[in-house]
């Protein structure tokens, strides 16, 4: 045995209590796969999408991400498995999903960004609530000019003291004419009518405002609940219509947590995005290119031809210690698949 192998075993033995297998690479695990329903893609991926992992499908809008995900859901629901679609942009069409073959009774559709407005009171029931001190009658004034406070004696004969004492507040009058008293500002009092309370309740009961990041936060919390509860074989996280600057704000720790939860529950997570944002937490990364229109007939639009590319795939080959002498043949990473319109009919 070489000295390098002996030194490697010695380091692993010394660090076994702190770092198990410090210099030994982790064993490669080949995950089970599920068919997508598209024969060319299943042949390219050697069976389909991996189970218990995150698969990210990247591409611009109208590149076939939704059609690809619906085809995968159709295969899962036909196998009597429960799935979920986290619709961040509220773009899923249930009629199109049913036409593809998705069993809607086994699909949980979460629509993010919907606002639930409470019923407002009619105008006749909107009343103002005054402080309690305004409901108590004022005390009776006693003494000369309301307790001995009045204007200058020269103005008493003219009858101005009663008018001035009624217009001005008691804090204005000084106890002595020769010693003026500093005027104090009264505290401002705010009235809270019931209409303001309704507005506050409306802001609190509004589920989520129509903002991209607010909808993404709701989708992330929903996905956490679905993964913790279990029972879902496939979860589609659709942020394909959200701008990349908003989708990239999701922390990488969130995708890492989803990867661990998916591995534990054996749920397949399909992440539909315009730009790759899950990074190393992704087991399989697919990129879709804008499709080309098909015209099998002279004047009729019959479908779209899409192109898909495998950008990154982990643990694709089975582990082996055999090193071939010749260079192995390179595996194909791109393929095409076609989608037909309803009016074109099957062919």
C-alpha atoms as a PDB file:
ATOM      1  CA  UNK A   1       0.000   0.000   0.000  1.00  0.00           C
ATOM      2  CA  UNK A   2       1.322   3.424  -0.932  1.00  0.00           C
ATOM      3  CA  UNK A   3       2.265   5.994   1.663  1.00  0.00           C
ATOM      4  CA  UNK A   4      -0.472   8.355   0.419  1.00  0.00           C
ATOM      5  CA  UNK A   5      -3.180   5.755   1.098  1.00  0.00           C
ATOM      6  CA  UNK A   6      -1.750   5.050   4.568  1.00  0.00           C
ATOM      7  CA  UNK A   7      -1.664   8.763   5.380  1.00  0.00           C
ATOM      8  CA  UNK A   8      -5.220   9.160   4.138  1.00  0.00           C
ATOM      9  CA  UNK A   9      -6.510   6.367   6.358  1.00  0.00           C
ATOM     10  CA  UNK A  10      -4.639   7.790   9.336  1.00  0.00           C
ATOM     11  CA  UNK A  11      -6.201  11.239   8.842  1.00  0.00           C
ATOM     12  CA  UNK A  12      -9.677   9.705   8.535  1.00  0.00           C
ATOM     13  CA  UNK A  13      -9.133   7.725  11.742  1.00  0.00           C
ATOM     14  CA  UNK A  14      -7.881  10.755  13.699  1.00  0.00           C
ATOM     15  CA  UNK A  15     -10.761  12.992  12.583  1.00  0.00           C
ATOM     16  CA  UNK A  16     -13.460  10.338  12.810  1.00  0.00           C
ATOM     17  CA  UNK A  17     -14.985  11.859  15.969  1.00  0.00           C
ATOM     18  CA  UNK A  18     -15.043  15.405  14.558  1.00  0.00           C
ATOM     19  CA  UNK A  19     -15.418  14.997  10.790  1.00  0.00           C
ATOM     20  CA  UNK A  20     -16.498  11.525   9.667  1.00  0.00           C
ATOM     21  CA  UNK A  21     -14.860  10.501   6.373  1.00  0.00           C
ATOM     22  CA  UNK A  22     -12.903  13.739   6.075  1.00  0.00           C
ATOM     23  CA  UNK A  23     -10.980  12.678   2.954  1.00  0.00           C
ATOM     24  CA  UNK A  24     -13.388  10.033   1.685  1.00  0.00           C
ATOM     25  CA  UNK A  25     -15.876  11.253  -0.923  1.00  0.00           C
ATOM     26  CA  UNK A  26     -19.547  10.638  -0.283  1.00  0.00           C
ATOM     27  CA  UNK A  27     -21.004   7.650  -2.115  1.00  0.00           C
ATOM     28  CA  UNK A  28     -22.872   8.461  -5.312  1.00  0.00           C
ATOM     29  CA  UNK A  29     -26.572   7.745  -5.075  1.00  0.00           C
ATOM     30  CA  UNK A  30     -28.719   7.043  -8.111  1.00  0.00           C
ATOM     31  CA  UNK A  31     -32.253   8.254  -7.476  1.00  0.00           C
ATOM     32  CA  UNK A  32     -35.391   6.622  -8.863  1.00  0.00           C
ATOM     33  CA  UNK A  33     -37.044   8.493 -11.706  1.00  0.00           C
ATOM     34  CA  UNK A  34     -40.586   9.166 -12.918  1.00  0.00           C
ATOM     35  CA  UNK A  35     -41.581   9.449 -16.558  1.00  0.00           C
ATOM     36  CA  UNK A  36     -42.496  12.843 -17.961  1.00  0.00           C
ATOM     37  CA  UNK A  37     -44.834  11.529 -20.656  1.00  0.00           C
ATOM     38  CA  UNK A  38     -42.619  12.917 -23.463  1.00  0.00           C
ATOM     39  CA  UNK A  39     -40.719  10.049 -25.053  1.00  0.00           C
ATOM     40  CA  UNK A  40     -37.779  12.048 -26.393  1.00  0.00           C
ATOM     41  CA  UNK A  41     -37.140  13.695 -23.021  1.00  0.00           C
ATOM     42  CA  UNK A  42     -37.468  10.392 -21.156  1.00  0.00           C
ATOM     43  CA  UNK A  43     -34.863   8.867 -23.476  1.00  0.00           C
ATOM     44  CA  UNK A  44     -32.541  11.824 -22.924  1.00  0.00           C
ATOM     45  CA  UNK A  45     -32.930  11.657 -19.118  1.00  0.00           C
ATOM     46  CA  UNK A  46     -32.746   7.839 -19.037  1.00  0.00           C
ATOM     47  CA  UNK A  47     -36.219   7.362 -17.627  1.00  0.00           C
ATOM     48  CA  UNK A  48     -37.499  10.754 -16.467  1.00  0.00           C
ATOM     49  CA  UNK A  49     -37.193  13.243 -13.621  1.00  0.00           C
ATOM     50  CA  UNK A  50     -35.540  12.185 -10.331  1.00  0.00           C
ATOM     51  CA  UNK A  51     -37.723  11.547  -7.297  1.00  0.00           C
ATOM     52  CA  UNK A  52     -36.925  13.141  -3.946  1.00  0.00           C
ATOM     53  CA  UNK A  53     -34.976  15.999  -5.515  1.00  0.00           C
ATOM     54  CA  UNK A  54     -35.342  19.456  -7.069  1.00  0.00           C
ATOM     55  CA  UNK A  55     -35.523  19.791 -10.835  1.00  0.00           C
ATOM     56  CA  UNK A  56     -35.177  23.319 -12.187  1.00  0.00           C
ATOM     57  CA  UNK A  57     -36.616  24.137 -15.603  1.00  0.00           C
ATOM     58  CA  UNK A  58     -35.204  27.413 -16.921  1.00  0.00           C
ATOM     59  CA  UNK A  59     -36.424  29.331 -19.931  1.00  0.00           C
ATOM     60  CA  UNK A  60     -38.093  32.527 -21.091  1.00  0.00           C
ATOM     61  CA  UNK A  61     -41.835  32.933 -21.197  1.00  0.00           C
ATOM     62  CA  UNK A  62     -43.700  30.885 -23.826  1.00  0.00           C
ATOM     63  CA  UNK A  63     -40.825  28.395 -24.035  1.00  0.00           C
ATOM     64  CA  UNK A  64     -42.848  25.333 -22.947  1.00  0.00           C
ATOM     65  CA  UNK A  65     -42.210  25.189 -19.186  1.00  0.00           C
ATOM     66  CA  UNK A  66     -45.895  24.949 -18.291  1.00  0.00           C
ATOM     67  CA  UNK A  67     -46.589  22.325 -20.964  1.00  0.00           C
ATOM     68  CA  UNK A  68     -43.658  20.244 -19.721  1.00  0.00           C
ATOM     69  CA  UNK A  69     -44.869  20.460 -16.108  1.00  0.00           C
ATOM     70  CA  UNK A  70     -48.462  19.588 -17.060  1.00  0.00           C
ATOM     71  CA  UNK A  71     -47.277  16.511 -18.955  1.00  0.00           C
ATOM     72  CA  UNK A  72     -45.362  15.370 -15.866  1.00  0.00           C
ATOM     73  CA  UNK A  73     -48.385  15.979 -13.636  1.00  0.00           C
ATOM     74  CA  UNK A  74     -50.587  13.975 -15.988  1.00  0.00           C
ATOM     75  CA  UNK A  75     -48.300  10.955 -15.517  1.00  0.00           C
ATOM     76  CA  UNK A  76     -48.248  11.380 -11.740  1.00  0.00           C
ATOM     77  CA  UNK A  77     -52.021  11.743 -11.343  1.00  0.00           C
ATOM     78  CA  UNK A  78     -52.652   8.747 -13.590  1.00  0.00           C
ATOM     79  CA  UNK A  79     -50.614   6.748 -11.101  1.00  0.00           C
ATOM     80  CA  UNK A  80     -53.092   7.952  -8.403  1.00  0.00           C
ATOM     81  CA  UNK A  81     -50.590  10.265  -6.732  1.00  0.00           C
ATOM     82  CA  UNK A  82     -51.424  13.631  -5.170  1.00  0.00           C
ATOM     83  CA  UNK A  83     -49.647  16.708  -6.530  1.00  0.00           C
ATOM     84  CA  UNK A  84     -49.604  20.450  -5.852  1.00  0.00           C
ATOM     85  CA  UNK A  85     -49.156  23.493  -8.071  1.00  0.00           C
ATOM     86  CA  UNK A  86     -47.869  26.646  -6.348  1.00  0.00           C
ATOM     87  CA  UNK A  87     -49.041  29.312  -8.802  1.00  0.00           C
ATOM     88  CA  UNK A  88     -47.210  32.515  -7.904  1.00  0.00           C
ATOM     89  CA  UNK A  89     -48.424  34.508 -10.920  1.00  0.00           C
ATOM     90  CA  UNK A  90     -51.911  32.973 -11.099  1.00  0.00           C
ATOM     91  CA  UNK A  91     -51.370  31.813 -14.691  1.00  0.00           C
ATOM     92  CA  UNK A  92     -52.478  28.165 -14.542  1.00  0.00           C
ATOM     93  CA  UNK A  93     -55.489  27.294 -16.696  1.00  0.00           C
ATOM     94  CA  UNK A  94     -57.401  24.320 -15.214  1.00  0.00           C
ATOM     95  CA  UNK A  95     -59.142  23.615 -18.525  1.00  0.00           C
ATOM     96  CA  UNK A  96     -55.808  23.222 -20.287  1.00  0.00           C
ATOM     97  CA  UNK A  97     -54.571  20.969 -17.482  1.00  0.00           C
ATOM     98  CA  UNK A  98     -57.639  18.748 -17.769  1.00  0.00           C
ATOM     99  CA  UNK A  99     -57.250  18.609 -21.564  1.00  0.00           C
ATOM    100  CA  UNK A 100     -53.685  17.310 -21.180  1.00  0.00           C
ATOM    101  CA  UNK A 101     -54.870  14.538 -18.868  1.00  0.00           C
ATOM    102  CA  UNK A 102     -54.279  15.917 -15.358  1.00  0.00           C
ATOM    103  CA  UNK A 103     -56.718  14.556 -12.775  1.00  0.00           C
ATOM    104  CA  UNK A 104     -57.832  17.791 -11.093  1.00  0.00           C
ATOM    105  CA  UNK A 105     -59.270  15.883  -8.127  1.00  0.00           C
ATOM    106  CA  UNK A 106     -55.684  14.933  -7.197  1.00  0.00           C
ATOM    107  CA  UNK A 107     -54.194  18.384  -7.749  1.00  0.00           C
ATOM    108  CA  UNK A 108     -53.926  21.107  -5.104  1.00  0.00           C
ATOM    109  CA  UNK A 109     -53.907  24.506  -6.802  1.00  0.00           C
ATOM    110  CA  UNK A 110     -52.489  27.301  -4.613  1.00  0.00           C
ATOM    111  CA  UNK A 111     -53.141  30.727  -6.121  1.00  0.00           C
ATOM    112  CA  UNK A 112     -50.841  33.360  -4.640  1.00  0.00           C
ATOM    113  CA  UNK A 113     -51.568  37.067  -4.476  1.00  0.00           C
ATOM    114  CA  UNK A 114     -55.359  36.900  -4.099  1.00  0.00           C
ATOM    115  CA  UNK A 115     -56.818  39.631  -1.873  1.00  0.00           C
ATOM    116  CA  UNK A 116     -59.735  38.922   0.439  1.00  0.00           C
ATOM    117  CA  UNK A 117     -61.498  42.221   1.116  1.00  0.00           C
ATOM    118  CA  UNK A 118     -63.888  42.323   4.092  1.00  0.00           C
ATOM    119  CA  UNK A 119     -67.427  43.523   3.695  1.00  0.00           C
ATOM    120  CA  UNK A 120     -67.630  47.209   4.579  1.00  0.00           C
ATOM    121  CA  UNK A 121     -70.443  48.654   6.630  1.00  0.00           C
ATOM    122  CA  UNK A 122     -73.150  50.594   4.840  1.00  0.00           C
ATOM    123  CA  UNK A 123     -72.897  54.398   5.138  1.00  0.00           C
ATOM    124  CA  UNK A 124     -75.826  54.535   7.561  1.00  0.00           C
ATOM    125  CA  UNK A 125     -73.902  52.454  10.145  1.00  0.00           C
ATOM    126  CA  UNK A 126     -70.691  54.526  10.076  1.00  0.00           C
ATOM    127  CA  UNK A 127     -70.676  56.572  13.287  1.00  0.00           C
ATOM    128  CA  UNK A 128     -68.053  58.717  14.995  1.00  0.00           C
ATOM    129  CA  UNK A 129     -66.915  57.828  18.509  1.00  0.00           C
ATOM    130  CA  UNK A 130     -66.098  60.871  20.686  1.00  0.00           C
ATOM    131  CA  UNK A 131     -63.977  60.816  23.856  1.00  0.00           C
ATOM    132  CA  UNK A 132     -65.853  60.380  27.123  1.00  0.00           C
ATOM    133  CA  UNK A 133     -64.997  63.847  28.428  1.00  0.00           C
ATOM    134  CA  UNK A 134     -67.041  65.436  25.662  1.00  0.00           C
ATOM    135  CA  UNK A 135     -70.102  63.502  26.771  1.00  0.00           C
ATOM    136  CA  UNK A 136     -70.000  64.994  30.328  1.00  0.00           C
ATOM    137  CA  UNK A 137     -71.741  68.406  30.749  1.00  0.00           C
ATOM    138  CA  UNK A 138     -69.359  71.264  31.691  1.00  0.00           C
ATOM    139  CA  UNK A 139     -69.371  72.397  35.347  1.00  0.00           C
ATOM    140  CA  UNK A 140     -71.305  75.511  36.359  1.00  0.00           C
ATOM    141  CA  UNK A 141     -69.185  78.636  36.642  1.00  0.00           C
ATOM    142  CA  UNK A 142     -69.331  80.511  39.921  1.00  0.00           C
ATOM    143  CA  UNK A 143     -68.056  83.892  40.950  1.00  0.00           C
ATOM    144  CA  UNK A 144     -67.461  87.095  39.090  1.00  0.00           C
ATOM    145  CA  UNK A 145     -66.788  86.550  35.387  1.00  0.00           C
ATOM    146  CA  UNK A 146     -66.545  82.790  35.711  1.00  0.00           C
ATOM    147  CA  UNK A 147     -64.501  82.242  38.860  1.00  0.00           C
ATOM    148  CA  UNK A 148     -62.991  85.718  39.270  1.00  0.00           C
ATOM    149  CA  UNK A 149     -61.122  85.790  35.943  1.00  0.00           C
ATOM    150  CA  UNK A 150     -62.121  88.487  33.515  1.00  0.00           C
ATOM    151  CA  UNK A 151     -60.810  91.164  31.217  1.00  0.00           C
ATOM    152  CA  UNK A 152     -59.446  94.585  32.125  1.00  0.00           C
ATOM    153  CA  UNK A 153     -61.744  96.611  34.441  1.00  0.00           C
ATOM    154  CA  UNK A 154     -61.987  99.381  31.888  1.00  0.00           C
ATOM    155  CA  UNK A 155     -63.759  97.029  29.484  1.00  0.00           C
ATOM    156  CA  UNK A 156     -66.279  95.727  32.013  1.00  0.00           C
ATOM    157  CA  UNK A 157     -68.617  98.675  31.520  1.00  0.00           C
ATOM    158  CA  UNK A 158     -68.720  97.959  27.805  1.00  0.00           C
ATOM    159  CA  UNK A 159     -69.940  94.352  28.322  1.00  0.00           C
ATOM    160  CA  UNK A 160     -66.977  92.678  26.625  1.00  0.00           C
ATOM    161  CA  UNK A 161     -65.971  90.409  29.477  1.00  0.00           C
ATOM    162  CA  UNK A 162     -68.740  87.909  28.852  1.00  0.00           C
ATOM    163  CA  UNK A 163     -68.018  87.726  25.156  1.00  0.00           C
ATOM    164  CA  UNK A 164     -64.253  87.377  25.605  1.00  0.00           C
ATOM    165  CA  UNK A 165     -64.603  84.743  28.328  1.00  0.00           C
ATOM    166  CA  UNK A 166     -66.849  82.689  26.047  1.00  0.00           C
ATOM    167  CA  UNK A 167     -64.556  82.834  23.029  1.00  0.00           C
ATOM    168  CA  UNK A 168     -61.211  82.376  24.690  1.00  0.00           C
ATOM    169  CA  UNK A 169     -60.107  79.349  26.749  1.00  0.00           C
ATOM    170  CA  UNK A 170     -59.526  79.638  30.519  1.00  0.00           C
ATOM    171  CA  UNK A 171     -55.754  79.049  30.032  1.00  0.00           C
ATOM    172  CA  UNK A 172     -55.441  82.419  28.286  1.00  0.00           C
ATOM    173  CA  UNK A 173     -56.515  84.508  31.294  1.00  0.00           C
ATOM    174  CA  UNK A 174     -53.880  85.414  33.850  1.00  0.00           C
ATOM    175  CA  UNK A 175     -54.686  85.696  37.569  1.00  0.00           C
ATOM    176  CA  UNK A 176     -53.227  89.222  37.615  1.00  0.00           C
ATOM    177  CA  UNK A 177     -53.129  91.857  34.938  1.00  0.00           C
ATOM    178  CA  UNK A 178     -49.595  92.992  35.900  1.00  0.00           C
ATOM    179  CA  UNK A 179     -48.120  89.453  35.845  1.00  0.00           C
ATOM    180  CA  UNK A 180     -48.794  87.839  32.466  1.00  0.00           C
ATOM    181  CA  UNK A 181     -48.850  84.078  32.402  1.00  0.00           C
ATOM    182  CA  UNK A 182     -47.166  82.058  29.680  1.00  0.00           C
ATOM    183  CA  UNK A 183     -49.622  80.594  27.255  1.00  0.00           C
ATOM    184  CA  UNK A 184     -49.608  76.777  27.094  1.00  0.00           C
ATOM    185  CA  UNK A 185     -50.530  74.899  23.997  1.00  0.00           C
ATOM    186  CA  UNK A 186     -53.314  72.405  24.481  1.00  0.00           C
ATOM    187  CA  UNK A 187     -52.706  68.851  23.348  1.00  0.00           C
ATOM    188  CA  UNK A 188     -54.226  67.921  20.035  1.00  0.00           C
ATOM    189  CA  UNK A 189     -56.995  65.411  20.259  1.00  0.00           C
ATOM    190  CA  UNK A 190     -57.548  62.863  17.518  1.00  0.00           C
ATOM    191  CA  UNK A 191     -60.900  61.358  16.699  1.00  0.00           C
ATOM    192  CA  UNK A 192     -61.073  57.751  15.503  1.00  0.00           C
ATOM    193  CA  UNK A 193     -64.243  57.244  13.546  1.00  0.00           C
ATOM    194  CA  UNK A 194     -65.409  53.752  12.740  1.00  0.00           C
ATOM    195  CA  UNK A 195     -64.513  54.264   9.078  1.00  0.00           C
ATOM    196  CA  UNK A 196     -60.835  54.461  10.029  1.00  0.00           C
ATOM    197  CA  UNK A 197     -61.153  51.264  12.034  1.00  0.00           C
ATOM    198  CA  UNK A 198     -62.654  49.559   9.003  1.00  0.00           C
ATOM    199  CA  UNK A 199     -59.738  50.760   6.879  1.00  0.00           C
ATOM    200  CA  UNK A 200     -57.244  49.391   9.413  1.00  0.00           C
ATOM    201  CA  UNK A 201     -59.031  46.044   9.513  1.00  0.00           C
ATOM    202  CA  UNK A 202     -59.110  46.008   5.726  1.00  0.00           C
ATOM    203  CA  UNK A 203     -55.336  46.476   5.578  1.00  0.00           C
ATOM    204  CA  UNK A 204     -54.812  43.750   8.149  1.00  0.00           C
ATOM    205  CA  UNK A 205     -57.194  41.230   6.606  1.00  0.00           C
ATOM    206  CA  UNK A 206     -55.863  41.734   3.091  1.00  0.00           C
ATOM    207  CA  UNK A 207     -54.047  38.479   2.413  1.00  0.00           C
ATOM    208  CA  UNK A 208     -51.138  39.662   0.306  1.00  0.00           C
ATOM    209  CA  UNK A 209     -50.738  42.773  -1.827  1.00  0.00           C
ATOM    210  CA  UNK A 210     -50.230  42.427  -5.541  1.00  0.00           C
ATOM    211  CA  UNK A 211     -46.424  42.633  -5.417  1.00  0.00           C
ATOM    212  CA  UNK A 212     -43.975  40.030  -6.771  1.00  0.00           C
ATOM    213  CA  UNK A 213     -41.946  39.528  -3.599  1.00  0.00           C
ATOM    214  CA  UNK A 214     -45.067  39.317  -1.421  1.00  0.00           C
ATOM    215  CA  UNK A 215     -46.429  36.548  -3.652  1.00  0.00           C
ATOM    216  CA  UNK A 216     -43.091  34.728  -3.534  1.00  0.00           C
ATOM    217  CA  UNK A 217     -43.100  34.869   0.268  1.00  0.00           C
ATOM    218  CA  UNK A 218     -46.567  33.341   0.359  1.00  0.00           C
ATOM    219  CA  UNK A 219     -45.441  30.607  -2.028  1.00  0.00           C
ATOM    220  CA  UNK A 220     -42.388  29.820   0.102  1.00  0.00           C
ATOM    221  CA  UNK A 221     -44.458  29.508   3.272  1.00  0.00           C
ATOM    222  CA  UNK A 222     -46.970  27.306   1.479  1.00  0.00           C
ATOM    223  CA  UNK A 223     -44.238  25.030   0.176  1.00  0.00           C
ATOM    224  CA  UNK A 224     -42.843  24.701   3.701  1.00  0.00           C
ATOM    225  CA  UNK A 225     -46.242  23.540   4.957  1.00  0.00           C
ATOM    226  CA  UNK A 226     -46.669  21.043   2.118  1.00  0.00           C
ATOM    227  CA  UNK A 227     -43.231  19.526   2.656  1.00  0.00           C
ATOM    228  CA  UNK A 228     -43.683  19.330   6.415  1.00  0.00           C
ATOM    229  CA  UNK A 229     -47.111  17.745   6.098  1.00  0.00           C
ATOM    230  CA  UNK A 230     -46.026  15.257   3.428  1.00  0.00           C
ATOM    231  CA  UNK A 231     -48.275  13.224   1.168  1.00  0.00           C
ATOM    232  CA  UNK A 232     -47.453  15.084  -2.075  1.00  0.00           C
ATOM    233  CA  UNK A 233     -45.523  13.205  -4.734  1.00  0.00           C
ATOM    234  CA  UNK A 234     -44.868  16.260  -6.918  1.00  0.00           C
ATOM    235  CA  UNK A 235     -44.845  19.992  -6.162  1.00  0.00           C
ATOM    236  CA  UNK A 236     -44.664  22.522  -9.000  1.00  0.00           C
ATOM    237  CA  UNK A 237     -43.195  25.852  -7.868  1.00  0.00           C
ATOM    238  CA  UNK A 238     -44.141  28.160 -10.738  1.00  0.00           C
ATOM    239  CA  UNK A 239     -42.323  31.518 -10.789  1.00  0.00           C
ATOM    240  CA  UNK A 240     -41.827  31.486 -14.534  1.00  0.00           C
ATOM    241  CA  UNK A 241     -43.651  34.799 -14.997  1.00  0.00           C
ATOM    242  CA  UNK A 242     -41.726  36.607 -12.230  1.00  0.00           C
ATOM    243  CA  UNK A 243     -38.795  38.807 -13.203  1.00  0.00           C
ATOM    244  CA  UNK A 244     -35.374  37.276 -12.363  1.00  0.00           C
ATOM    245  CA  UNK A 245     -34.456  40.148 -10.022  1.00  0.00           C
ATOM    246  CA  UNK A 246     -37.321  39.128  -7.721  1.00  0.00           C
ATOM    247  CA  UNK A 247     -36.809  35.361  -7.959  1.00  0.00           C
ATOM    248  CA  UNK A 248     -33.081  35.653  -7.207  1.00  0.00           C
ATOM    249  CA  UNK A 249     -33.869  37.223  -3.814  1.00  0.00           C
ATOM    250  CA  UNK A 250     -34.807  33.832  -2.388  1.00  0.00           C
ATOM    251  CA  UNK A 251     -31.963  32.738  -0.050  1.00  0.00           C
ATOM    252  CA  UNK A 252     -29.967  29.680  -1.080  1.00  0.00           C
ATOM    253  CA  UNK A 253     -30.597  28.220   2.372  1.00  0.00           C
ATOM    254  CA  UNK A 254     -34.292  27.978   1.473  1.00  0.00           C
ATOM    255  CA  UNK A 255     -33.614  25.799  -1.565  1.00  0.00           C
ATOM    256  CA  UNK A 256     -31.195  23.693   0.469  1.00  0.00           C
ATOM    257  CA  UNK A 257     -33.894  23.142   3.079  1.00  0.00           C
ATOM    258  CA  UNK A 258     -36.364  22.159   0.361  1.00  0.00           C
ATOM    259  CA  UNK A 259     -33.837  19.692  -1.064  1.00  0.00           C
ATOM    260  CA  UNK A 260     -33.439  17.979   2.303  1.00  0.00           C
ATOM    261  CA  UNK A 261     -37.200  17.867   2.858  1.00  0.00           C
ATOM    262  CA  UNK A 262     -37.825  16.487  -0.647  1.00  0.00           C
ATOM    263  CA  UNK A 263     -35.244  13.757  -0.086  1.00  0.00           C
ATOM    264  CA  UNK A 264     -36.915  12.796   3.161  1.00  0.00           C
ATOM    265  CA  UNK A 265     -40.473  12.727   1.775  1.00  0.00           C
ATOM    266  CA  UNK A 266     -39.476  11.480  -1.707  1.00  0.00           C
ATOM    267  CA  UNK A 267     -41.338  14.359  -3.360  1.00  0.00           C
ATOM    268  CA  UNK A 268     -40.295  15.749  -6.740  1.00  0.00           C
ATOM    269  CA  UNK A 269     -40.059  19.547  -6.786  1.00  0.00           C
ATOM    270  CA  UNK A 270     -40.220  21.211 -10.194  1.00  0.00           C
ATOM    271  CA  UNK A 271     -38.989  24.798 -10.131  1.00  0.00           C
ATOM    272  CA  UNK A 272     -40.114  26.821 -13.148  1.00  0.00           C
ATOM    273  CA  UNK A 273     -38.013  29.980 -13.531  1.00  0.00           C
ATOM    274  CA  UNK A 274     -36.620  32.333 -16.152  1.00  0.00           C
ATOM    275  CA  UNK A 275     -33.143  32.340 -14.602  1.00  0.00           C
ATOM    276  CA  UNK A 276     -31.422  29.666 -12.523  1.00  0.00           C
ATOM    277  CA  UNK A 277     -31.681  30.585  -8.830  1.00  0.00           C
ATOM    278  CA  UNK A 278     -31.468  27.305  -6.839  1.00  0.00           C
ATOM    279  CA  UNK A 279     -27.773  26.718  -7.737  1.00  0.00           C
ATOM    280  CA  UNK A 280     -26.221  23.686  -6.020  1.00  0.00           C
ATOM    281  CA  UNK A 281     -29.484  22.467  -4.477  1.00  0.00           C
ATOM    282  CA  UNK A 282     -30.723  21.345  -7.905  1.00  0.00           C
ATOM    283  CA  UNK A 283     -30.384  17.710  -8.888  1.00  0.00           C
ATOM    284  CA  UNK A 284     -31.268  18.303 -12.545  1.00  0.00           C
ATOM    285  CA  UNK A 285     -31.146  21.583 -14.476  1.00  0.00           C
ATOM    286  CA  UNK A 286     -32.971  21.801 -17.813  1.00  0.00           C
ATOM    287  CA  UNK A 287     -33.002  24.774 -20.157  1.00  0.00           C
ATOM    288  CA  UNK A 288     -35.761  25.389 -22.680  1.00  0.00           C
ATOM    289  CA  UNK A 289     -35.297  27.523 -25.762  1.00  0.00           C
ATOM    290  CA  UNK A 290     -38.071  29.552 -27.430  1.00  0.00           C
ATOM    291  CA  UNK A 291     -40.110  27.231 -29.621  1.00  0.00           C
ATOM    292  CA  UNK A 292     -40.649  27.367 -33.362  1.00  0.00           C
ATOM    293  CA  UNK A 293     -44.132  27.388 -34.827  1.00  0.00           C
ATOM    294  CA  UNK A 294     -45.167  24.266 -36.697  1.00  0.00           C
ATOM    295  CA  UNK A 295     -47.201  24.495 -39.872  1.00  0.00           C
ATOM    296  CA  UNK A 296     -48.034  20.993 -40.934  1.00  0.00           C
ATOM    297  CA  UNK A 297     -50.858  22.489 -42.954  1.00  0.00           C
ATOM    298  CA  UNK A 298     -50.466  25.357 -45.372  1.00  0.00           C
ATOM    299  CA  UNK A 299     -52.500  27.969 -43.502  1.00  0.00           C
ATOM    300  CA  UNK A 300     -53.155  26.382 -40.081  1.00  0.00           C
ATOM    301  CA  UNK A 301     -51.048  26.732 -36.935  1.00  0.00           C
ATOM    302  CA  UNK A 302     -50.699  23.177 -35.603  1.00  0.00           C
ATOM    303  CA  UNK A 303     -48.274  23.442 -32.676  1.00  0.00           C
ATOM    304  CA  UNK A 304     -44.815  24.382 -31.408  1.00  0.00           C
ATOM    305  CA  UNK A 305     -41.507  22.555 -31.600  1.00  0.00           C
ATOM    306  CA  UNK A 306     -39.439  23.055 -28.432  1.00  0.00           C
ATOM    307  CA  UNK A 307     -35.757  22.459 -27.765  1.00  0.00           C
ATOM    308  CA  UNK A 308     -34.534  21.284 -24.357  1.00  0.00           C
ATOM    309  CA  UNK A 309     -30.976  21.053 -23.051  1.00  0.00           C
ATOM    310  CA  UNK A 310     -29.573  19.270 -20.011  1.00  0.00           C
ATOM    311  CA  UNK A 311     -27.317  21.865 -18.381  1.00  0.00           C
ATOM    312  CA  UNK A 312     -26.366  20.005 -15.202  1.00  0.00           C
ATOM    313  CA  UNK A 313     -27.155  16.550 -13.851  1.00  0.00           C
ATOM    314  CA  UNK A 314     -25.742  15.007 -10.718  1.00  0.00           C
ATOM    315  CA  UNK A 315     -25.020  11.307 -10.285  1.00  0.00           C
ATOM    316  CA  UNK A 316     -26.018  10.387 -13.812  1.00  0.00           C
ATOM    317  CA  UNK A 317     -23.897   7.261 -14.170  1.00  0.00           C
ATOM    318  CA  UNK A 318     -23.718   4.275 -11.893  1.00  0.00           C
ATOM    319  CA  UNK A 319     -20.555   4.133  -9.757  1.00  0.00           C
ATOM    320  CA  UNK A 320     -17.867   1.906 -11.182  1.00  0.00           C
ATOM    321  CA  UNK A 321     -14.155   1.343 -10.644  1.00  0.00           C
ATOM    322  CA  UNK A 322     -13.494   0.321 -14.238  1.00  0.00           C
ATOM    323  CA  UNK A 323     -11.527   2.936 -16.158  1.00  0.00           C
ATOM    324  CA  UNK A 324     -11.908   2.497 -19.925  1.00  0.00           C
ATOM    325  CA  UNK A 325      -8.806   2.691 -22.093  1.00  0.00           C
ATOM    326  CA  UNK A 326     -10.583   4.553 -24.853  1.00  0.00           C
ATOM    327  CA  UNK A 327     -12.498   7.750 -24.404  1.00  0.00           C
ATOM    328  CA  UNK A 328     -16.175   6.926 -23.797  1.00  0.00           C
ATOM    329  CA  UNK A 329     -18.729   8.312 -26.230  1.00  0.00           C
ATOM    330  CA  UNK A 330     -20.203  11.655 -25.257  1.00  0.00           C
ATOM    331  CA  UNK A 331     -23.804  11.647 -24.185  1.00  0.00           C
ATOM    332  CA  UNK A 332     -26.359  13.779 -25.988  1.00  0.00           C
ATOM    333  CA  UNK A 333     -27.523  16.759 -23.969  1.00  0.00           C
ATOM    334  CA  UNK A 334     -30.146  18.306 -26.253  1.00  0.00           C
ATOM    335  CA  UNK A 335     -33.342  17.085 -27.843  1.00  0.00           C
ATOM    336  CA  UNK A 336     -36.591  18.437 -29.255  1.00  0.00           C
ATOM    337  CA  UNK A 337     -40.210  17.728 -28.482  1.00  0.00           C
ATOM    338  CA  UNK A 338     -43.391  18.810 -30.187  1.00  0.00           C
ATOM    339  CA  UNK A 339     -46.714  19.995 -28.858  1.00  0.00           C
ATOM    340  CA  UNK A 340     -49.875  20.026 -30.963  1.00  0.00           C
ATOM    341  CA  UNK A 341     -52.858  22.294 -30.710  1.00  0.00           C
ATOM    342  CA  UNK A 342     -56.297  20.951 -29.864  1.00  0.00           C
ATOM    343  CA  UNK A 343     -57.827  21.755 -33.214  1.00  0.00           C
ATOM    344  CA  UNK A 344     -55.028  19.956 -35.077  1.00  0.00           C
ATOM    345  CA  UNK A 345     -56.026  16.638 -33.521  1.00  0.00           C
ATOM    346  CA  UNK A 346     -53.771  13.684 -32.648  1.00  0.00           C
ATOM    347  CA  UNK A 347     -51.341  12.401 -35.248  1.00  0.00           C
END
